[in-house]
Protein backbone atom coordinates (compact mmCIF):
# COMPACT_ATOMS: atom_id res chain seq x y z
CA MET A 1 12.82 25.93 -5.09
CA THR A 2 12.34 26.02 -8.76
CA GLU A 3 9.32 24.56 -10.49
CA MET A 4 11.27 21.64 -11.64
CA GLU A 5 12.26 20.70 -8.08
CA VAL A 6 8.73 21.01 -6.92
CA LEU A 7 7.52 18.66 -9.74
CA SER A 8 10.31 16.31 -8.89
CA VAL A 9 9.36 16.25 -5.24
CA MET A 10 5.66 15.66 -6.18
CA GLN A 11 6.52 12.97 -8.58
CA SER A 12 8.78 11.10 -6.04
CA SER A 13 6.06 11.41 -3.32
CA ILE A 14 3.40 9.88 -5.70
CA LEU A 15 5.83 7.11 -6.46
CA VAL A 16 6.66 6.38 -2.80
CA ALA A 17 2.97 6.49 -1.85
CA THR A 18 2.25 3.99 -4.73
CA LYS A 19 5.06 1.72 -3.70
CA LEU A 20 3.74 1.62 -0.04
CA ALA A 21 0.20 1.26 -0.77
CA ALA A 22 0.32 -1.18 -3.85
CA PRO A 23 1.14 -4.44 -1.94
CA ILE A 24 -1.67 -4.09 0.50
CA LEU A 25 -4.25 -2.93 -1.91
CA LEU A 26 -3.38 -5.39 -4.74
CA LEU A 27 -3.37 -8.48 -2.38
CA SER A 28 -6.51 -7.51 -0.59
CA MET A 29 -8.21 -6.92 -4.00
CA ILE A 30 -7.06 -10.35 -5.15
CA ILE A 31 -8.33 -12.11 -1.96
CA GLY A 32 -11.68 -10.29 -2.27
CA LEU A 33 -11.99 -11.47 -5.73
CA ILE A 34 -11.10 -15.04 -4.89
CA ILE A 35 -13.67 -14.99 -2.04
CA SER A 36 -16.43 -13.48 -4.18
CA ILE A 37 -15.77 -16.15 -6.75
CA ILE A 38 -16.25 -18.84 -3.96
CA GLN A 39 -19.37 -16.98 -2.74
CA ALA A 40 -20.86 -16.89 -6.26
CA ALA A 41 -20.11 -20.65 -6.63
CA THR A 42 -21.55 -21.60 -3.30
CA GLN A 43 -24.37 -19.07 -3.36
CA ILE A 44 -23.31 -17.74 0.11
CA ASN A 45 -24.04 -14.02 0.07
CA GLU A 46 -22.66 -13.04 3.42
CA GLN A 47 -20.80 -9.67 3.25
CA THR A 48 -18.68 -10.19 6.34
CA ILE A 49 -16.91 -13.25 4.99
CA THR A 50 -14.34 -11.26 3.12
CA PHE A 51 -13.41 -9.17 6.11
CA VAL A 52 -11.66 -11.56 8.12
CA PRO A 53 -9.29 -12.97 5.39
CA LYS A 54 -8.49 -9.45 4.32
CA LEU A 55 -7.66 -8.46 7.82
CA PHE A 56 -5.46 -11.45 8.28
CA LEU A 57 -3.76 -10.83 4.96
CA ILE A 58 -3.11 -7.17 5.58
CA ALA A 59 -1.63 -7.99 9.02
CA LEU A 60 0.60 -10.58 7.35
CA ILE A 61 1.71 -8.10 4.71
CA LEU A 62 2.57 -5.51 7.32
CA LEU A 63 4.52 -8.02 9.39
CA LEU A 64 6.56 -9.16 6.32
CA ALA A 65 6.92 -5.86 4.52
CA GLY A 66 6.70 -3.34 7.26
CA SER A 67 10.29 -2.88 7.72
CA TRP A 68 10.67 -2.24 4.04
CA MET A 69 7.82 0.21 4.06
CA LEU A 70 9.27 2.02 7.08
CA GLN A 71 12.73 2.22 5.53
CA THR A 72 11.29 3.51 2.21
CA MET A 73 9.27 6.25 4.11
CA SER A 74 12.39 7.10 6.27
CA ASP A 75 14.59 7.51 3.24
CA PHE A 76 11.96 9.68 1.55
CA THR A 77 11.67 11.94 4.57
CA LYS A 78 15.43 12.13 5.00
CA ASP A 79 15.65 13.32 1.26
CA ILE A 80 12.90 15.81 1.78
CA PHE A 81 14.70 17.30 4.78
CA ARG A 82 17.97 17.25 3.10
CA MET A 83 16.50 19.24 0.24
CA MET A 84 14.99 21.77 2.69
CA LEU A 85 18.28 22.33 4.48
CA GLY A 86 20.65 22.50 1.66
């Protein structure tokens, strides 16, 4: 492999990892921010309140977008093996 091919594989792997992690991370960050604003307004300072909504949100995201995530990772893996073999 040339240096450009290695850099291309690294760039595409970072892009795939970002595409797969972004929905979960962004939505859990948004729900955490919303809950922290509610906690600040109501002065309830319980740390475990954010855990359950984030857990349900992540499970919902994985149910809705799990097939897309699996297909994206499968396509990337096939491309990597195709590059190794040919």
